[in-house]
C-alpha atoms as a PDB file:
ATOM      1  CA  UNK A   1     123.201  49.013  79.821  1.00  0.00           C
ATOM      2  CA  UNK A   2     124.625  49.770  76.740  1.00  0.00           C
ATOM      3  CA  UNK A   3     126.478  46.554  76.615  1.00  0.00           C
ATOM      4  CA  UNK A   4     123.157  44.941  77.084  1.00  0.00           C
ATOM      5  CA  UNK A   5     122.915  45.691  73.432  1.00  0.00           C
ATOM      6  CA  UNK A   6     126.122  44.988  71.949  1.00  0.00           C
ATOM      7  CA  UNK A   7     125.809  43.431  68.210  1.00  0.00           C
ATOM      8  CA  UNK A   8     125.464  39.797  68.418  1.00  0.00           C
ATOM      9  CA  UNK A   9     127.124  38.943  71.488  1.00  0.00           C
ATOM     10  CA  UNK A  10     125.861  40.475  74.530  1.00  0.00           C
ATOM     11  CA  UNK A  11     123.497  38.627  77.220  1.00  0.00           C
ATOM     12  CA  UNK A  12     120.257  39.236  74.497  1.00  0.00           C
ATOM     13  CA  UNK A  13     121.721  36.285  72.803  1.00  0.00           C
ATOM     14  CA  UNK A  14     121.033  34.078  74.913  1.00  0.00           C
ATOM     15  CA  UNK A  15     117.439  32.550  76.802  1.00  0.00           C
ATOM     16  CA  UNK A  16     116.761  32.734  80.526  1.00  0.00           C
ATOM     17  CA  UNK A  17     115.592  29.712  81.940  1.00  0.00           C
ATOM     18  CA  UNK A  18     113.881  28.937  85.476  1.00  0.00           C
ATOM     19  CA  UNK A  19     116.203  26.639  87.003  1.00  0.00           C
ATOM     20  CA  UNK A  20     114.257  25.809  90.687  1.00  0.00           C
ATOM     21  CA  UNK A  21     116.396  23.342  93.028  1.00  0.00           C
ATOM     22  CA  UNK A  22     115.660  22.586  96.496  1.00  0.00           C
ATOM     23  CA  UNK A  23     112.432  25.132  97.337  1.00  0.00           C
ATOM     24  CA  UNK A  24     114.550  27.606  96.786  1.00  0.00           C
ATOM     25  CA  UNK A  25     114.200  29.813  92.985  1.00  0.00           C
ATOM     26  CA  UNK A  26     116.305  31.349  91.300  1.00  0.00           C
ATOM     27  CA  UNK A  27     117.530  32.158  87.383  1.00  0.00           C
ATOM     28  CA  UNK A  28     120.525  31.462  85.238  1.00  0.00           C
ATOM     29  CA  UNK A  29     121.690  32.245  82.140  1.00  0.00           C
ATOM     30  CA  UNK A  30     122.342  29.729  78.930  1.00  0.00           C
ATOM     31  CA  UNK A  31     123.580  30.034  75.803  1.00  0.00           C
ATOM     32  CA  UNK A  32     122.296  27.454  73.599  1.00  0.00           C
ATOM     33  CA  UNK A  33     125.201  27.858  71.299  1.00  0.00           C
ATOM     34  CA  UNK A  34     127.590  25.729  73.654  1.00  0.00           C
ATOM     35  CA  UNK A  35     124.003  24.571  75.512  1.00  0.00           C
ATOM     36  CA  UNK A  36     125.597  25.309  79.222  1.00  0.00           C
ATOM     37  CA  UNK A  37     123.145  24.617  81.988  1.00  0.00           C
ATOM     38  CA  UNK A  38     123.018  26.225  85.267  1.00  0.00           C
ATOM     39  CA  UNK A  39     121.047  26.069  88.001  1.00  0.00           C
ATOM     40  CA  UNK A  40     121.114  27.406  91.593  1.00  0.00           C
ATOM     41  CA  UNK A  41     123.352  25.235  94.397  1.00  0.00           C
ATOM     42  CA  UNK A  42     120.248  23.615  96.732  1.00  0.00           C
ATOM     43  CA  UNK A  43     122.846  25.233  99.729  1.00  0.00           C
ATOM     44  CA  UNK A  44     121.602  28.638  98.472  1.00  0.00           C
ATOM     45  CA  UNK A  45     121.259  31.075 101.784  1.00  0.00           C
ATOM     46  CA  UNK A  46     119.013  33.986 101.119  1.00  0.00           C
ATOM     47  CA  UNK A  47     119.737  37.075  99.077  1.00  0.00           C
ATOM     48  CA  UNK A  48     118.713  40.906  98.848  1.00  0.00           C
ATOM     49  CA  UNK A  49     116.334  39.430  96.128  1.00  0.00           C
ATOM     50  CA  UNK A  50     118.422  41.407  93.554  1.00  0.00           C
ATOM     51  CA  UNK A  51     120.829  38.444  92.936  1.00  0.00           C
ATOM     52  CA  UNK A  52     123.585  40.836  95.000  1.00  0.00           C
ATOM     53  CA  UNK A  53     124.464  40.859  99.054  1.00  0.00           C
ATOM     54  CA  UNK A  54     123.784  37.567  99.732  1.00  0.00           C
ATOM     55  CA  UNK A  55     125.879  34.485 100.919  1.00  0.00           C
ATOM     56  CA  UNK A  56     126.214  30.622 101.128  1.00  0.00           C
ATOM     57  CA  UNK A  57     128.010  28.512 102.982  1.00  0.00           C
ATOM     58  CA  UNK A  58     128.998  24.840 102.596  1.00  0.00           C
ATOM     59  CA  UNK A  59     130.392  22.937  99.377  1.00  0.00           C
ATOM     60  CA  UNK A  60     130.441  25.896  96.378  1.00  0.00           C
ATOM     61  CA  UNK A  61     130.597  22.423  93.612  1.00  0.00           C
ATOM     62  CA  UNK A  62     132.038  23.426  90.563  1.00  0.00           C
ATOM     63  CA  UNK A  63     134.208  26.593  90.123  1.00  0.00           C
ATOM     64  CA  UNK A  64     135.929  28.929  87.431  1.00  0.00           C
ATOM     65  CA  UNK A  65     138.838  31.327  87.630  1.00  0.00           C
ATOM     66  CA  UNK A  66     137.371  34.781  86.524  1.00  0.00           C
ATOM     67  CA  UNK A  67     139.872  35.509  83.772  1.00  0.00           C
ATOM     68  CA  UNK A  68     141.399  38.878  82.436  1.00  0.00           C
ATOM     69  CA  UNK A  69     142.125  38.886  78.451  1.00  0.00           C
ATOM     70  CA  UNK A  70     140.935  39.093  75.108  1.00  0.00           C
ATOM     71  CA  UNK A  71     137.450  37.804  74.047  1.00  0.00           C
ATOM     72  CA  UNK A  72     136.944  36.792  70.296  1.00  0.00           C
ATOM     73  CA  UNK A  73     133.444  35.607  69.363  1.00  0.00           C
ATOM     74  CA  UNK A  74     133.947  32.850  66.696  1.00  0.00           C
ATOM     75  CA  UNK A  75     132.179  30.388  64.829  1.00  0.00           C
ATOM     76  CA  UNK A  76     132.934  27.154  63.383  1.00  0.00           C
ATOM     77  CA  UNK A  77     131.359  26.504  59.547  1.00  0.00           C
ATOM     78  CA  UNK A  78     131.142  22.922  58.585  1.00  0.00           C
ATOM     79  CA  UNK A  79     132.894  22.421  55.147  1.00  0.00           C
ATOM     80  CA  UNK A  80     134.315  20.248  52.008  1.00  0.00           C
ATOM     81  CA  UNK A  81     137.858  19.367  50.954  1.00  0.00           C
ATOM     82  CA  UNK A  82     137.977  19.391  46.912  1.00  0.00           C
ATOM     83  CA  UNK A  83     139.189  21.605  44.192  1.00  0.00           C
ATOM     84  CA  UNK A  84     136.562  24.277  43.869  1.00  0.00           C
ATOM     85  CA  UNK A  85     133.995  24.892  41.469  1.00  0.00           C
ATOM     86  CA  UNK A  86     134.344  23.318  38.179  1.00  0.00           C
ATOM     87  CA  UNK A  87     134.291  25.637  34.865  1.00  0.00           C
ATOM     88  CA  UNK A  88     133.395  24.986  31.206  1.00  0.00           C
ATOM     89  CA  UNK A  89     136.253  24.605  28.472  1.00  0.00           C
ATOM     90  CA  UNK A  90     134.044  25.612  25.184  1.00  0.00           C
ATOM     91  CA  UNK A  91     135.148  23.664  22.314  1.00  0.00           C
ATOM     92  CA  UNK A  92     135.703  26.785  19.765  1.00  0.00           C
ATOM     93  CA  UNK A  93     137.665  25.000  17.055  1.00  0.00           C
ATOM     94  CA  UNK A  94     136.001  24.216  14.099  1.00  0.00           C
ATOM     95  CA  UNK A  95     135.642  20.029  13.364  1.00  0.00           C
ATOM     96  CA  UNK A  96     135.364  16.473  14.867  1.00  0.00           C
ATOM     97  CA  UNK A  97     136.896  15.999  18.341  1.00  0.00           C
ATOM     98  CA  UNK A  98     139.962  13.506  17.900  1.00  0.00           C
ATOM     99  CA  UNK A  99     141.194  13.515  21.128  1.00  0.00           C
ATOM    100  CA  UNK A 100     140.627  14.443  24.687  1.00  0.00           C
ATOM    101  CA  UNK A 101     141.917  14.100  27.663  1.00  0.00           C
ATOM    102  CA  UNK A 102     140.858  11.905  31.166  1.00  0.00           C
ATOM    103  CA  UNK A 103     138.952  13.077  34.442  1.00  0.00           C
ATOM    104  CA  UNK A 104     141.329  14.013  36.612  1.00  0.00           C
ATOM    105  CA  UNK A 105     144.266  15.150  34.786  1.00  0.00           C
ATOM    106  CA  UNK A 106     146.407  18.126  34.907  1.00  0.00           C
ATOM    107  CA  UNK A 107     146.770  20.481  31.948  1.00  0.00           C
ATOM    108  CA  UNK A 108     149.588  23.166  32.314  1.00  0.00           C
ATOM    109  CA  UNK A 109     150.534  26.090  29.914  1.00  0.00           C
ATOM    110  CA  UNK A 110     150.706  24.739  26.496  1.00  0.00           C
ATOM    111  CA  UNK A 111     149.893  20.890  26.792  1.00  0.00           C
ATOM    112  CA  UNK A 112     146.627  19.833  24.718  1.00  0.00           C
ATOM    113  CA  UNK A 113     143.188  20.478  26.514  1.00  0.00           C
ATOM    114  CA  UNK A 114     141.787  18.968  23.212  1.00  0.00           C
ATOM    115  CA  UNK A 115     142.491  18.136  20.039  1.00  0.00           C
ATOM    116  CA  UNK A 116     140.362  18.808  16.259  1.00  0.00           C
ATOM    117  CA  UNK A 117     140.313  16.814  13.288  1.00  0.00           C
ATOM    118  CA  UNK A 118     143.740  15.684  15.065  1.00  0.00           C
ATOM    119  CA  UNK A 119     145.353  19.068  15.551  1.00  0.00           C
ATOM    120  CA  UNK A 120     145.530  20.137  19.267  1.00  0.00           C
ATOM    121  CA  UNK A 121     144.235  23.282  20.770  1.00  0.00           C
ATOM    122  CA  UNK A 122     146.725  24.000  23.654  1.00  0.00           C
ATOM    123  CA  UNK A 123     145.925  25.744  26.802  1.00  0.00           C
ATOM    124  CA  UNK A 124     147.670  29.296  27.639  1.00  0.00           C
ATOM    125  CA  UNK A 125     147.492  30.808  30.946  1.00  0.00           C
ATOM    126  CA  UNK A 126     144.227  34.071  31.096  1.00  0.00           C
ATOM    127  CA  UNK A 127     141.202  35.153  32.118  1.00  0.00           C
ATOM    128  CA  UNK A 128     139.715  36.831  29.286  1.00  0.00           C
ATOM    129  CA  UNK A 129     138.554  33.919  26.981  1.00  0.00           C
ATOM    130  CA  UNK A 130     139.889  34.036  22.957  1.00  0.00           C
ATOM    131  CA  UNK A 131     136.711  36.134  21.617  1.00  0.00           C
ATOM    132  CA  UNK A 132     138.533  36.504  18.494  1.00  0.00           C
ATOM    133  CA  UNK A 133     141.668  35.858  15.932  1.00  0.00           C
ATOM    134  CA  UNK A 134     145.112  37.338  17.614  1.00  0.00           C
ATOM    135  CA  UNK A 135     147.073  39.355  14.693  1.00  0.00           C
ATOM    136  CA  UNK A 136     149.474  42.201  14.037  1.00  0.00           C
ATOM    137  CA  UNK A 137     147.733  45.587  14.735  1.00  0.00           C
ATOM    138  CA  UNK A 138     145.626  44.518  17.721  1.00  0.00           C
ATOM    139  CA  UNK A 139     145.919  45.775  21.339  1.00  0.00           C
ATOM    140  CA  UNK A 140     143.680  44.456  24.063  1.00  0.00           C
ATOM    141  CA  UNK A 141     143.509  42.446  27.180  1.00  0.00           C
ATOM    142  CA  UNK A 142     143.763  38.892  25.366  1.00  0.00           C
ATOM    143  CA  UNK A 143     146.573  40.569  23.116  1.00  0.00           C
ATOM    144  CA  UNK A 144     148.464  40.608  26.533  1.00  0.00           C
ATOM    145  CA  UNK A 145     147.771  37.645  27.524  1.00  0.00           C
ATOM    146  CA  UNK A 146     149.381  35.965  24.527  1.00  0.00           C
ATOM    147  CA  UNK A 147     152.318  37.810  24.947  1.00  0.00           C
ATOM    148  CA  UNK A 148     152.797  36.832  28.724  1.00  0.00           C
ATOM    149  CA  UNK A 149     152.298  33.019  27.272  1.00  0.00           C
ATOM    150  CA  UNK A 150     155.088  33.556  24.896  1.00  0.00           C
ATOM    151  CA  UNK A 151     157.481  34.777  27.075  1.00  0.00           C
ATOM    152  CA  UNK A 152     156.792  32.542  29.797  1.00  0.00           C
ATOM    153  CA  UNK A 153     157.454  30.256  26.793  1.00  0.00           C
ATOM    154  CA  UNK A 154     161.084  31.692  25.925  1.00  0.00           C
ATOM    155  CA  UNK A 155     159.902  33.385  23.297  1.00  0.00           C
ATOM    156  CA  UNK A 156     160.976  37.009  22.294  1.00  0.00           C
ATOM    157  CA  UNK A 157     158.049  39.127  22.801  1.00  0.00           C
ATOM    158  CA  UNK A 158     157.666  42.537  24.548  1.00  0.00           C
ATOM    159  CA  UNK A 159     155.165  41.829  27.241  1.00  0.00           C
ATOM    160  CA  UNK A 160     152.392  44.682  26.553  1.00  0.00           C
ATOM    161  CA  UNK A 161     148.932  44.779  25.126  1.00  0.00           C
ATOM    162  CA  UNK A 162     150.052  45.034  21.597  1.00  0.00           C
ATOM    163  CA  UNK A 163     150.168  42.657  18.794  1.00  0.00           C
ATOM    164  CA  UNK A 164     153.577  44.007  16.857  1.00  0.00           C
ATOM    165  CA  UNK A 165     156.080  42.588  15.506  1.00  0.00           C
ATOM    166  CA  UNK A 166     157.788  40.909  17.954  1.00  0.00           C
ATOM    167  CA  UNK A 167     154.455  39.163  18.327  1.00  0.00           C
ATOM    168  CA  UNK A 168     154.198  38.242  14.787  1.00  0.00           C
ATOM    169  CA  UNK A 169     157.474  36.607  14.609  1.00  0.00           C
ATOM    170  CA  UNK A 170     156.756  35.208  17.874  1.00  0.00           C
ATOM    171  CA  UNK A 171     153.413  33.574  16.989  1.00  0.00           C
ATOM    172  CA  UNK A 172     155.170  32.229  13.815  1.00  0.00           C
ATOM    173  CA  UNK A 173     157.947  30.334  15.465  1.00  0.00           C
ATOM    174  CA  UNK A 174     155.279  29.280  17.946  1.00  0.00           C
ATOM    175  CA  UNK A 175     153.596  27.921  15.145  1.00  0.00           C
ATOM    176  CA  UNK A 176     156.739  26.277  13.815  1.00  0.00           C
ATOM    177  CA  UNK A 177     157.855  24.508  16.344  1.00  0.00           C
ATOM    178  CA  UNK A 178     154.140  22.345  17.298  1.00  0.00           C
ATOM    179  CA  UNK A 179     153.913  21.332  13.875  1.00  0.00           C
ATOM    180  CA  UNK A 180     150.826  23.595  13.328  1.00  0.00           C
ATOM    181  CA  UNK A 181     150.358  26.277   9.717  1.00  0.00           C
ATOM    182  CA  UNK A 182     152.241  28.960   9.891  1.00  0.00           C
ATOM    183  CA  UNK A 183     150.099  32.081   9.838  1.00  0.00           C
ATOM    184  CA  UNK A 184     151.497  34.264  12.562  1.00  0.00           C
ATOM    185  CA  UNK A 185     147.708  34.571  13.750  1.00  0.00           C
ATOM    186  CA  UNK A 186     146.534  33.063  16.967  1.00  0.00           C
ATOM    187  CA  UNK A 187     143.008  31.456  16.232  1.00  0.00           C
ATOM    188  CA  UNK A 188     140.583  29.065  18.821  1.00  0.00           C
ATOM    189  CA  UNK A 189     142.589  26.130  16.528  1.00  0.00           C
ATOM    190  CA  UNK A 190     145.640  26.771  18.431  1.00  0.00           C
ATOM    191  CA  UNK A 191     144.582  27.912  22.007  1.00  0.00           C
ATOM    192  CA  UNK A 192     142.421  28.487  24.673  1.00  0.00           C
ATOM    193  CA  UNK A 193     142.641  30.618  27.398  1.00  0.00           C
ATOM    194  CA  UNK A 194     142.345  29.005  30.712  1.00  0.00           C
ATOM    195  CA  UNK A 195     142.932  30.183  34.286  1.00  0.00           C
ATOM    196  CA  UNK A 196     146.205  28.610  35.322  1.00  0.00           C
ATOM    197  CA  UNK A 197     146.940  24.958  35.398  1.00  0.00           C
ATOM    198  CA  UNK A 198     143.660  23.122  35.408  1.00  0.00           C
ATOM    199  CA  UNK A 199     142.656  19.830  36.605  1.00  0.00           C
ATOM    200  CA  UNK A 200     140.108  18.378  34.935  1.00  0.00           C
ATOM    201  CA  UNK A 201     136.711  17.782  36.137  1.00  0.00           C
ATOM    202  CA  UNK A 202     135.010  15.932  33.653  1.00  0.00           C
ATOM    203  CA  UNK A 203     134.509  15.365  29.878  1.00  0.00           C
ATOM    204  CA  UNK A 204     131.819  16.327  28.343  1.00  0.00           C
ATOM    205  CA  UNK A 205     132.354  15.871  24.770  1.00  0.00           C
ATOM    206  CA  UNK A 206     132.012  12.535  22.509  1.00  0.00           C
ATOM    207  CA  UNK A 207     134.753  11.666  20.480  1.00  0.00           C
ATOM    208  CA  UNK A 208     133.553  11.638  16.944  1.00  0.00           C
ATOM    209  CA  UNK A 209     131.233  14.448  17.655  1.00  0.00           C
ATOM    210  CA  UNK A 210     131.478  18.148  16.421  1.00  0.00           C
ATOM    211  CA  UNK A 211     133.468  20.516  18.823  1.00  0.00           C
ATOM    212  CA  UNK A 212     130.704  22.718  19.657  1.00  0.00           C
ATOM    213  CA  UNK A 213     129.642  23.986  23.665  1.00  0.00           C
ATOM    214  CA  UNK A 214     131.523  22.649  26.380  1.00  0.00           C
ATOM    215  CA  UNK A 215     134.260  19.519  25.806  1.00  0.00           C
ATOM    216  CA  UNK A 216     135.347  19.647  29.331  1.00  0.00           C
ATOM    217  CA  UNK A 217     135.016  21.177  32.758  1.00  0.00           C
ATOM    218  CA  UNK A 218     138.158  22.145  34.470  1.00  0.00           C
ATOM    219  CA  UNK A 219     138.735  23.220  38.483  1.00  0.00           C
ATOM    220  CA  UNK A 220     142.029  24.826  39.767  1.00  0.00           C
ATOM    221  CA  UNK A 221     145.059  22.347  40.732  1.00  0.00           C
ATOM    222  CA  UNK A 222     145.009  23.601  44.033  1.00  0.00           C
ATOM    223  CA  UNK A 223     143.076  21.774  47.215  1.00  0.00           C
ATOM    224  CA  UNK A 224     140.486  24.345  48.988  1.00  0.00           C
ATOM    225  CA  UNK A 225     138.073  24.198  51.329  1.00  0.00           C
ATOM    226  CA  UNK A 226     134.253  25.006  50.759  1.00  0.00           C
ATOM    227  CA  UNK A 227     131.453  26.049  52.501  1.00  0.00           C
ATOM    228  CA  UNK A 228     127.791  27.225  51.651  1.00  0.00           C
ATOM    229  CA  UNK A 229     126.127  29.491  54.648  1.00  0.00           C
ATOM    230  CA  UNK A 230     123.830  32.074  54.752  1.00  0.00           C
ATOM    231  CA  UNK A 231     124.118  35.472  53.491  1.00  0.00           C
ATOM    232  CA  UNK A 232     124.562  37.278  57.196  1.00  0.00           C
ATOM    233  CA  UNK A 233     126.942  34.296  58.128  1.00  0.00           C
ATOM    234  CA  UNK A 234     128.984  35.298  55.271  1.00  0.00           C
ATOM    235  CA  UNK A 235     129.738  38.804  56.273  1.00  0.00           C
ATOM    236  CA  UNK A 236     132.337  37.399  58.545  1.00  0.00           C
ATOM    237  CA  UNK A 237     134.134  35.189  55.712  1.00  0.00           C
ATOM    238  CA  UNK A 238     135.029  37.914  53.108  1.00  0.00           C
ATOM    239  CA  UNK A 239     137.316  37.789  50.596  1.00  0.00           C
ATOM    240  CA  UNK A 240     140.893  38.307  52.016  1.00  0.00           C
ATOM    241  CA  UNK A 241     139.799  37.359  55.542  1.00  0.00           C
ATOM    242  CA  UNK A 242     142.123  35.205  57.376  1.00  0.00           C
ATOM    243  CA  UNK A 243     140.727  31.981  59.122  1.00  0.00           C
ATOM    244  CA  UNK A 244     141.908  28.261  60.473  1.00  0.00           C
ATOM    245  CA  UNK A 245     140.816  25.036  58.632  1.00  0.00           C
ATOM    246  CA  UNK A 246     140.625  21.664  59.675  1.00  0.00           C
ATOM    247  CA  UNK A 247     141.132  18.553  57.821  1.00  0.00           C
ATOM    248  CA  UNK A 248     139.077  16.114  59.538  1.00  0.00           C
ATOM    249  CA  UNK A 249     141.994  12.749  60.073  1.00  0.00           C
ATOM    250  CA  UNK A 250     144.949  15.360  59.807  1.00  0.00           C
ATOM    251  CA  UNK A 251     145.979  17.046  62.551  1.00  0.00           C
ATOM    252  CA  UNK A 252     146.320  20.489  63.667  1.00  0.00           C
ATOM    253  CA  UNK A 253     144.257  23.358  62.118  1.00  0.00           C
ATOM    254  CA  UNK A 254     145.999  25.268  59.133  1.00  0.00           C
ATOM    255  CA  UNK A 255     146.010  28.526  58.364  1.00  0.00           C
ATOM    256  CA  UNK A 256     143.914  29.726  55.143  1.00  0.00           C
ATOM    257  CA  UNK A 257     142.390  33.096  54.003  1.00  0.00           C
ATOM    258  CA  UNK A 258     138.728  33.053  52.527  1.00  0.00           C
ATOM    259  CA  UNK A 259     139.647  33.418  48.541  1.00  0.00           C
ATOM    260  CA  UNK A 260     136.282  33.349  46.658  1.00  0.00           C
ATOM    261  CA  UNK A 261     132.462  34.346  47.338  1.00  0.00           C
ATOM    262  CA  UNK A 262     129.672  33.187  45.017  1.00  0.00           C
ATOM    263  CA  UNK A 263     126.087  33.718  45.145  1.00  0.00           C
ATOM    264  CA  UNK A 264     124.429  30.122  45.419  1.00  0.00           C
ATOM    265  CA  UNK A 265     122.238  29.214  42.897  1.00  0.00           C
ATOM    266  CA  UNK A 266     120.434  26.602  44.478  1.00  0.00           C
ATOM    267  CA  UNK A 267     116.797  26.072  45.209  1.00  0.00           C
ATOM    268  CA  UNK A 268     116.338  28.525  47.946  1.00  0.00           C
ATOM    269  CA  UNK A 269     116.663  31.161  45.378  1.00  0.00           C
ATOM    270  CA  UNK A 270     120.843  32.750  46.078  1.00  0.00           C
ATOM    271  CA  UNK A 271     119.709  33.149  49.631  1.00  0.00           C
ATOM    272  CA  UNK A 272     122.621  30.920  50.681  1.00  0.00           C
ATOM    273  CA  UNK A 273     126.532  31.656  49.556  1.00  0.00           C
ATOM    274  CA  UNK A 274     128.993  29.466  48.687  1.00  0.00           C
ATOM    275  CA  UNK A 275     132.518  30.384  50.550  1.00  0.00           C
ATOM    276  CA  UNK A 276     135.767  29.000  49.286  1.00  0.00           C
ATOM    277  CA  UNK A 277     139.231  28.954  51.255  1.00  0.00           C
ATOM    278  CA  UNK A 278     142.563  28.582  50.518  1.00  0.00           C
ATOM    279  CA  UNK A 279     145.189  26.827  52.557  1.00  0.00           C
ATOM    280  CA  UNK A 280     149.062  25.873  52.335  1.00  0.00           C
ATOM    281  CA  UNK A 281     148.978  21.761  53.802  1.00  0.00           C
ATOM    282  CA  UNK A 282     152.834  21.934  53.636  1.00  0.00           C
ATOM    283  CA  UNK A 283     153.965  18.243  53.635  1.00  0.00           C
ATOM    284  CA  UNK A 284     150.982  17.163  54.832  1.00  0.00           C
ATOM    285  CA  UNK A 285     149.135  14.093  53.240  1.00  0.00           C
ATOM    286  CA  UNK A 286     145.618  15.042  52.341  1.00  0.00           C
ATOM    287  CA  UNK A 287     142.589  12.269  51.184  1.00  0.00           C
ATOM    288  CA  UNK A 288     141.226  12.628  48.515  1.00  0.00           C
ATOM    289  CA  UNK A 289     137.901  13.465  50.056  1.00  0.00           C
ATOM    290  CA  UNK A 290     136.906  14.513  53.380  1.00  0.00           C
ATOM    291  CA  UNK A 291     134.815  17.081  55.510  1.00  0.00           C
ATOM    292  CA  UNK A 292     136.441  20.152  57.099  1.00  0.00           C
ATOM    293  CA  UNK A 293     135.997  22.727  59.217  1.00  0.00           C
ATOM    294  CA  UNK A 294     136.525  26.922  58.969  1.00  0.00           C
ATOM    295  CA  UNK A 295     137.035  28.591  61.970  1.00  0.00           C
ATOM    296  CA  UNK A 296     136.046  32.482  61.304  1.00  0.00           C
ATOM    297  CA  UNK A 297     136.517  34.921  64.151  1.00  0.00           C
ATOM    298  CA  UNK A 298     134.415  37.771  64.446  1.00  0.00           C
ATOM    299  CA  UNK A 299     134.291  40.900  67.245  1.00  0.00           C
ATOM    300  CA  UNK A 300     137.058  40.975  69.584  1.00  0.00           C
ATOM    301  CA  UNK A 301     137.237  42.661  73.399  1.00  0.00           C
ATOM    302  CA  UNK A 302     140.241  43.862  74.764  1.00  0.00           C
ATOM    303  CA  UNK A 303     141.117  43.120  78.324  1.00  0.00           C
ATOM    304  CA  UNK A 304     138.416  41.969  79.588  1.00  0.00           C
ATOM    305  CA  UNK A 305     137.127  40.268  82.716  1.00  0.00           C
ATOM    306  CA  UNK A 306     135.089  36.872  81.675  1.00  0.00           C
ATOM    307  CA  UNK A 307     133.590  34.034  83.609  1.00  0.00           C
ATOM    308  CA  UNK A 308     131.506  31.238  81.871  1.00  0.00           C
ATOM    309  CA  UNK A 309     128.233  31.790  81.160  1.00  0.00           C
ATOM    310  CA  UNK A 310     126.586  29.390  83.268  1.00  0.00           C
ATOM    311  CA  UNK A 311     128.427  31.210  86.226  1.00  0.00           C
ATOM    312  CA  UNK A 312     125.708  34.029  85.569  1.00  0.00           C
ATOM    313  CA  UNK A 313     122.999  33.931  88.165  1.00  0.00           C
ATOM    314  CA  UNK A 314     120.011  36.383  87.238  1.00  0.00           C
ATOM    315  CA  UNK A 315     117.922  38.308  89.982  1.00  0.00           C
ATOM    316  CA  UNK A 316     114.944  40.493  90.008  1.00  0.00           C
ATOM    317  CA  UNK A 317     114.456  43.304  87.514  1.00  0.00           C
ATOM    318  CA  UNK A 318     117.050  42.552  85.301  1.00  0.00           C
ATOM    319  CA  UNK A 319     120.141  42.506  87.723  1.00  0.00           C
ATOM    320  CA  UNK A 320     122.886  39.841  87.265  1.00  0.00           C
ATOM    321  CA  UNK A 321     125.328  38.208  89.812  1.00  0.00           C
ATOM    322  CA  UNK A 322     128.284  35.419  90.586  1.00  0.00           C
ATOM    323  CA  UNK A 323     128.714  33.610  93.285  1.00  0.00           C
ATOM    324  CA  UNK A 324     132.335  34.456  94.298  1.00  0.00           C
ATOM    325  CA  UNK A 325     134.170  31.959  96.736  1.00  0.00           C
ATOM    326  CA  UNK A 326     135.726  33.223  99.873  1.00  0.00           C
ATOM    327  CA  UNK A 327     139.394  32.455 101.491  1.00  0.00           C
ATOM    328  CA  UNK A 328     137.048  30.455 104.565  1.00  0.00           C
ATOM    329  CA  UNK A 329     135.383  28.350 101.597  1.00  0.00           C
ATOM    330  CA  UNK A 330     131.850  30.186 101.671  1.00  0.00           C
ATOM    331  CA  UNK A 331     130.845  32.408  98.865  1.00  0.00           C
ATOM    332  CA  UNK A 332     129.563  35.475  98.144  1.00  0.00           C
ATOM    333  CA  UNK A 333     127.278  37.190  95.746  1.00  0.00           C
ATOM    334  CA  UNK A 334     128.701  39.496  93.774  1.00  0.00           C
ATOM    335  CA  UNK A 335     126.734  41.944  91.522  1.00  0.00           C
ATOM    336  CA  UNK A 336     128.208  42.086  87.677  1.00  0.00           C
ATOM    337  CA  UNK A 337     127.666  43.681  85.070  1.00  0.00           C
ATOM    338  CA  UNK A 338     127.154  41.192  81.895  1.00  0.00           C
ATOM    339  CA  UNK A 339     128.676  41.759  77.949  1.00  0.00           C
ATOM    340  CA  UNK A 340     129.842  40.566  75.561  1.00  0.00           C
ATOM    341  CA  UNK A 341     129.796  36.878  74.650  1.00  0.00           C
ATOM    342  CA  UNK A 342     132.171  34.763  73.211  1.00  0.00           C
ATOM    343  CA  UNK A 343     133.352  30.737  72.945  1.00  0.00           C
ATOM    344  CA  UNK A 344     131.146  29.903  75.936  1.00  0.00           C
ATOM    345  CA  UNK A 345     132.372  32.604  78.170  1.00  0.00           C
ATOM    346  CA  UNK A 346     130.919  36.354  79.583  1.00  0.00           C
ATOM    347  CA  UNK A 347     132.412  39.668  79.900  1.00  0.00           C
ATOM    348  CA  UNK A 348     131.504  40.802  82.642  1.00  0.00           C
ATOM    349  CA  UNK A 349     131.926  44.528  85.112  1.00  0.00           C
ATOM    350  CA  UNK A 350     131.671  45.018  88.707  1.00  0.00           C
ATOM    351  CA  UNK A 351     132.744  43.842  92.124  1.00  0.00           C
ATOM    352  CA  UNK A 352     135.839  41.100  90.748  1.00  0.00           C
ATOM    353  CA  UNK A 353     138.821  40.436  90.078  1.00  0.00           C
ATOM    354  CA  UNK A 354     141.028  38.774  87.816  1.00  0.00           C
ATOM    355  CA  UNK A 355     141.847  35.191  89.683  1.00  0.00           C
ATOM    356  CA  UNK A 356     138.656  35.304  91.496  1.00  0.00           C
ATOM    357  CA  UNK A 357     137.069  31.911  91.863  1.00  0.00           C
ATOM    358  CA  UNK A 358     133.403  32.081  91.347  1.00  0.00           C
ATOM    359  CA  UNK A 359     131.155  28.722  91.452  1.00  0.00           C
ATOM    360  CA  UNK A 360     129.558  27.303  88.144  1.00  0.00           C
ATOM    361  CA  UNK A 361     126.315  25.273  88.942  1.00  0.00           C
ATOM    362  CA  UNK A 362     126.422  21.691  87.221  1.00  0.00           C
END
């Protein structure tokens, strides 16, 4: 049966356990992920040995409806509410640290990151570090970042990757406005590029010490949920995947999106993956820290008939059936072919119809 081999979502993903009751032996299928437990009814009558054609009378016990619709394989991952992975801000300016921010402080564009020899090094937004002094005649991504920041601050520049006369004039005016020595050249004593507005995670530099190495670690100012998953599980959590996020104690789930996936550098040698998920909390008040869940959907089967996994009864030769409740209260064992499994239900094809009631042994 081709459906029997469907990846991650077939009866091969469940285990068969013997359920012996009242001297009559049958088999029930149990999905370990939902911990369903099934056993045969003690009132079971004879069958033809392959799980079809038999009937039984008396009390049917718990039942469920054969539903028709989409069946989606989803999985919930445990996560943590936070600000994401911290990155270091190097103390590139030469001199002695004379001011440092406090942990938790938010630093926006053109605000101080730290000070050396009582001269503040200001934040500008950009993903490329300031790896050289920026002066007239240069071109590159770092120059483009500088022009973007100067334009956002209201200076007259062309937002391109060229450090031309307009950029030089704007830089001189920016230096004058902030009490810096007016040189027309941007150096590490003036600015450091950081990835947007940042929140200080920790302060590693020491006042009175030389500015060297990372003086701060910073994170995004946005709350995110992070989770560490196996590399195999990360297949359903690729960047851009839409998920649902639930923060414990804050109400209903929120729509989220996977924004970053990075190898975990822990003791297991990178066999895990760190996943970051952004979400919109709206006006919802979030705690300072909390556990969270990420609900990620996988494969979807469209417009299928399905029953609870525990309703499926296995017979000889790998054949399967369900016990359908008749109008007079008796049951009829009907052979079915099992397929896709998701959320405790299994898709079936065979002699059943939408709305039929089937026995779910308890």
